[in-house]
């Protein structure tokens, strides 16, 4: 292949790569928005504490059954809240990873994205 043809071919490949990168970036931005709108809800203590988090792992609400509020056993309530928050964040992480895999077509991505769990 002559040098001019090789240079043109290389430029075409580079342009295609840049276009693909722009498409992926646009999809990542869309994914961030979608994950911010999705929610996961987890509970602990048989439903005594319920936590809802968005798909990015940010806690959006915590509901506590009044029967879980025992002034003599605040530690139990703290443990229930911690367990429900932890589970909600883990589930949000799973949602994020599943969506990212779909975006990457099943290929592992070697980088983390800012703003994601």
C-alpha atoms as a PDB file:
ATOM      1  CA  UNK A   1       0.000   0.000   0.000  1.00  0.00           C
ATOM      2  CA  UNK A   2       1.491   3.392  -0.945  1.00  0.00           C
ATOM      3  CA  UNK A   3       2.166   5.850   1.875  1.00  0.00           C
ATOM      4  CA  UNK A   4      -0.700   8.172   0.875  1.00  0.00           C
ATOM      5  CA  UNK A   5      -3.182   5.299   0.905  1.00  0.00           C
ATOM      6  CA  UNK A   6      -1.869   4.114   4.264  1.00  0.00           C
ATOM      7  CA  UNK A   7      -2.166   7.608   5.728  1.00  0.00           C
ATOM      8  CA  UNK A   8      -5.735   8.005   4.427  1.00  0.00           C
ATOM      9  CA  UNK A   9      -6.657   4.558   5.754  1.00  0.00           C
ATOM     10  CA  UNK A  10      -5.173   5.416   9.152  1.00  0.00           C
ATOM     11  CA  UNK A  11      -7.075   8.724   9.276  1.00  0.00           C
ATOM     12  CA  UNK A  12     -10.333   6.955   8.392  1.00  0.00           C
ATOM     13  CA  UNK A  13      -9.735   4.420  11.180  1.00  0.00           C
ATOM     14  CA  UNK A  14      -8.918   7.211  13.637  1.00  0.00           C
ATOM     15  CA  UNK A  15     -12.092   9.089  12.697  1.00  0.00           C
ATOM     16  CA  UNK A  16     -14.134   5.917  13.184  1.00  0.00           C
ATOM     17  CA  UNK A  17     -12.564   5.363  16.596  1.00  0.00           C
ATOM     18  CA  UNK A  18     -13.305   8.962  17.604  1.00  0.00           C
ATOM     19  CA  UNK A  19     -16.910   8.622  16.457  1.00  0.00           C
ATOM     20  CA  UNK A  20     -17.281   5.407  18.445  1.00  0.00           C
ATOM     21  CA  UNK A  21     -15.826   7.171  21.485  1.00  0.00           C
ATOM     22  CA  UNK A  22     -18.349   9.989  21.129  1.00  0.00           C
ATOM     23  CA  UNK A  23     -21.192   7.471  20.856  1.00  0.00           C
ATOM     24  CA  UNK A  24     -20.003   5.650  23.977  1.00  0.00           C
ATOM     25  CA  UNK A  25     -19.677   8.956  25.854  1.00  0.00           C
ATOM     26  CA  UNK A  26     -23.223   9.938  24.867  1.00  0.00           C
ATOM     27  CA  UNK A  27     -24.524   6.549  26.009  1.00  0.00           C
ATOM     28  CA  UNK A  28     -22.632   6.851  29.328  1.00  0.00           C
ATOM     29  CA  UNK A  29     -24.242  10.227  29.951  1.00  0.00           C
ATOM     30  CA  UNK A  30     -27.637   8.724  29.181  1.00  0.00           C
ATOM     31  CA  UNK A  31     -26.855   5.775  31.480  1.00  0.00           C
ATOM     32  CA  UNK A  32     -25.978   8.131  34.352  1.00  0.00           C
ATOM     33  CA  UNK A  33     -29.358   9.822  33.986  1.00  0.00           C
ATOM     34  CA  UNK A  34     -31.203   6.513  33.758  1.00  0.00           C
ATOM     35  CA  UNK A  35     -29.467   5.135  36.846  1.00  0.00           C
ATOM     36  CA  UNK A  36     -30.304   8.296  38.757  1.00  0.00           C
ATOM     37  CA  UNK A  37     -33.982   7.679  37.975  1.00  0.00           C
ATOM     38  CA  UNK A  38     -34.038   3.949  38.798  1.00  0.00           C
ATOM     39  CA  UNK A  39     -34.495   2.770  42.343  1.00  0.00           C
ATOM     40  CA  UNK A  40     -33.799  -0.316  44.406  1.00  0.00           C
ATOM     41  CA  UNK A  41     -35.534  -0.971  47.703  1.00  0.00           C
ATOM     42  CA  UNK A  42     -34.180  -3.251  50.424  1.00  0.00           C
ATOM     43  CA  UNK A  43     -35.278  -3.975  53.940  1.00  0.00           C
ATOM     44  CA  UNK A  44     -33.948  -5.550  57.102  1.00  0.00           C
ATOM     45  CA  UNK A  45     -35.426  -6.853  60.311  1.00  0.00           C
ATOM     46  CA  UNK A  46     -38.387  -8.388  58.525  1.00  0.00           C
ATOM     47  CA  UNK A  47     -39.318  -5.046  56.996  1.00  0.00           C
ATOM     48  CA  UNK A  48     -38.734  -2.961  60.109  1.00  0.00           C
ATOM     49  CA  UNK A  49     -36.292  -0.773  58.161  1.00  0.00           C
ATOM     50  CA  UNK A  50     -36.691  -0.103  54.438  1.00  0.00           C
ATOM     51  CA  UNK A  51     -34.153   1.798  52.345  1.00  0.00           C
ATOM     52  CA  UNK A  52     -34.625   3.061  48.811  1.00  0.00           C
ATOM     53  CA  UNK A  53     -31.559   4.043  46.797  1.00  0.00           C
ATOM     54  CA  UNK A  54     -31.176   5.184  43.230  1.00  0.00           C
ATOM     55  CA  UNK A  55     -29.276   3.160  40.643  1.00  0.00           C
ATOM     56  CA  UNK A  56     -26.138   5.089  41.497  1.00  0.00           C
ATOM     57  CA  UNK A  57     -26.249   3.970  45.147  1.00  0.00           C
ATOM     58  CA  UNK A  58     -27.443   7.250  46.642  1.00  0.00           C
ATOM     59  CA  UNK A  59     -29.912   6.712  49.472  1.00  0.00           C
ATOM     60  CA  UNK A  60     -33.189   8.437  48.624  1.00  0.00           C
ATOM     61  CA  UNK A  61     -35.329   7.402  51.585  1.00  0.00           C
ATOM     62  CA  UNK A  62     -35.318   5.434  54.822  1.00  0.00           C
ATOM     63  CA  UNK A  63     -38.524   4.220  56.432  1.00  0.00           C
ATOM     64  CA  UNK A  64     -38.521   2.862  59.986  1.00  0.00           C
ATOM     65  CA  UNK A  65     -41.425   0.950  61.483  1.00  0.00           C
ATOM     66  CA  UNK A  66     -42.274   2.608  64.826  1.00  0.00           C
ATOM     67  CA  UNK A  67     -42.053  -0.770  66.567  1.00  0.00           C
ATOM     68  CA  UNK A  68     -38.325  -0.813  65.738  1.00  0.00           C
ATOM     69  CA  UNK A  69     -37.760   2.296  67.849  1.00  0.00           C
ATOM     70  CA  UNK A  70     -36.828   0.993  71.278  1.00  0.00           C
ATOM     71  CA  UNK A  71     -34.977   3.555  73.405  1.00  0.00           C
ATOM     72  CA  UNK A  72     -33.478   0.667  75.355  1.00  0.00           C
ATOM     73  CA  UNK A  73     -32.004  -0.913  72.194  1.00  0.00           C
ATOM     74  CA  UNK A  74     -30.861   1.857  69.844  1.00  0.00           C
ATOM     75  CA  UNK A  75     -27.963  -0.349  68.726  1.00  0.00           C
ATOM     76  CA  UNK A  76     -30.376  -2.844  67.134  1.00  0.00           C
ATOM     77  CA  UNK A  77     -32.022  -0.059  65.122  1.00  0.00           C
ATOM     78  CA  UNK A  78     -28.624   1.228  64.020  1.00  0.00           C
ATOM     79  CA  UNK A  79     -27.692  -2.282  62.862  1.00  0.00           C
ATOM     80  CA  UNK A  80     -30.968  -2.647  60.930  1.00  0.00           C
ATOM     81  CA  UNK A  81     -30.448   0.694  59.183  1.00  0.00           C
ATOM     82  CA  UNK A  82     -26.856  -0.178  58.337  1.00  0.00           C
ATOM     83  CA  UNK A  83     -27.860  -3.581  56.939  1.00  0.00           C
ATOM     84  CA  UNK A  84     -30.633  -2.145  54.756  1.00  0.00           C
ATOM     85  CA  UNK A  85     -28.431   0.693  53.433  1.00  0.00           C
ATOM     86  CA  UNK A  86     -25.604  -1.706  52.671  1.00  0.00           C
ATOM     87  CA  UNK A  87     -27.877  -4.089  50.783  1.00  0.00           C
ATOM     88  CA  UNK A  88     -29.470  -1.251  48.789  1.00  0.00           C
ATOM     89  CA  UNK A  89     -26.051   0.051  47.775  1.00  0.00           C
ATOM     90  CA  UNK A  90     -24.904  -3.452  46.775  1.00  0.00           C
ATOM     91  CA  UNK A  91     -27.991  -3.922  44.630  1.00  0.00           C
ATOM     92  CA  UNK A  92     -27.457  -0.514  43.032  1.00  0.00           C
ATOM     93  CA  UNK A  93     -23.879  -1.575  42.234  1.00  0.00           C
ATOM     94  CA  UNK A  94     -25.224  -4.726  40.561  1.00  0.00           C
ATOM     95  CA  UNK A  95     -27.668  -2.676  38.472  1.00  0.00           C
ATOM     96  CA  UNK A  96     -24.829  -0.359  37.436  1.00  0.00           C
ATOM     97  CA  UNK A  97     -22.553  -3.245  36.467  1.00  0.00           C
ATOM     98  CA  UNK A  98     -25.303  -4.962  34.457  1.00  0.00           C
ATOM     99  CA  UNK A  99     -26.084  -1.773  32.541  1.00  0.00           C
ATOM    100  CA  UNK A 100     -22.412  -1.051  31.925  1.00  0.00           C
ATOM    101  CA  UNK A 101     -21.915  -4.575  30.550  1.00  0.00           C
ATOM    102  CA  UNK A 102     -24.817  -4.022  28.155  1.00  0.00           C
ATOM    103  CA  UNK A 103     -23.241  -0.763  27.045  1.00  0.00           C
ATOM    104  CA  UNK A 104     -19.871  -2.420  26.483  1.00  0.00           C
ATOM    105  CA  UNK A 105     -21.420  -5.335  24.629  1.00  0.00           C
ATOM    106  CA  UNK A 106     -20.201  -7.730  27.299  1.00  0.00           C
ATOM    107  CA  UNK A 107     -16.581  -6.607  27.076  1.00  0.00           C
ATOM    108  CA  UNK A 108     -14.884  -5.722  30.371  1.00  0.00           C
ATOM    109  CA  UNK A 109     -14.073  -2.042  30.692  1.00  0.00           C
ATOM    110  CA  UNK A 110     -10.683  -1.308  32.257  1.00  0.00           C
ATOM    111  CA  UNK A 111     -11.753   1.913  33.919  1.00  0.00           C
ATOM    112  CA  UNK A 112     -14.095   3.239  36.530  1.00  0.00           C
ATOM    113  CA  UNK A 113     -16.403   6.109  35.782  1.00  0.00           C
ATOM    114  CA  UNK A 114     -16.676   9.164  37.994  1.00  0.00           C
ATOM    115  CA  UNK A 115     -19.982   9.529  39.746  1.00  0.00           C
ATOM    116  CA  UNK A 116     -20.697   5.823  39.804  1.00  0.00           C
ATOM    117  CA  UNK A 117     -20.426   3.408  42.707  1.00  0.00           C
END
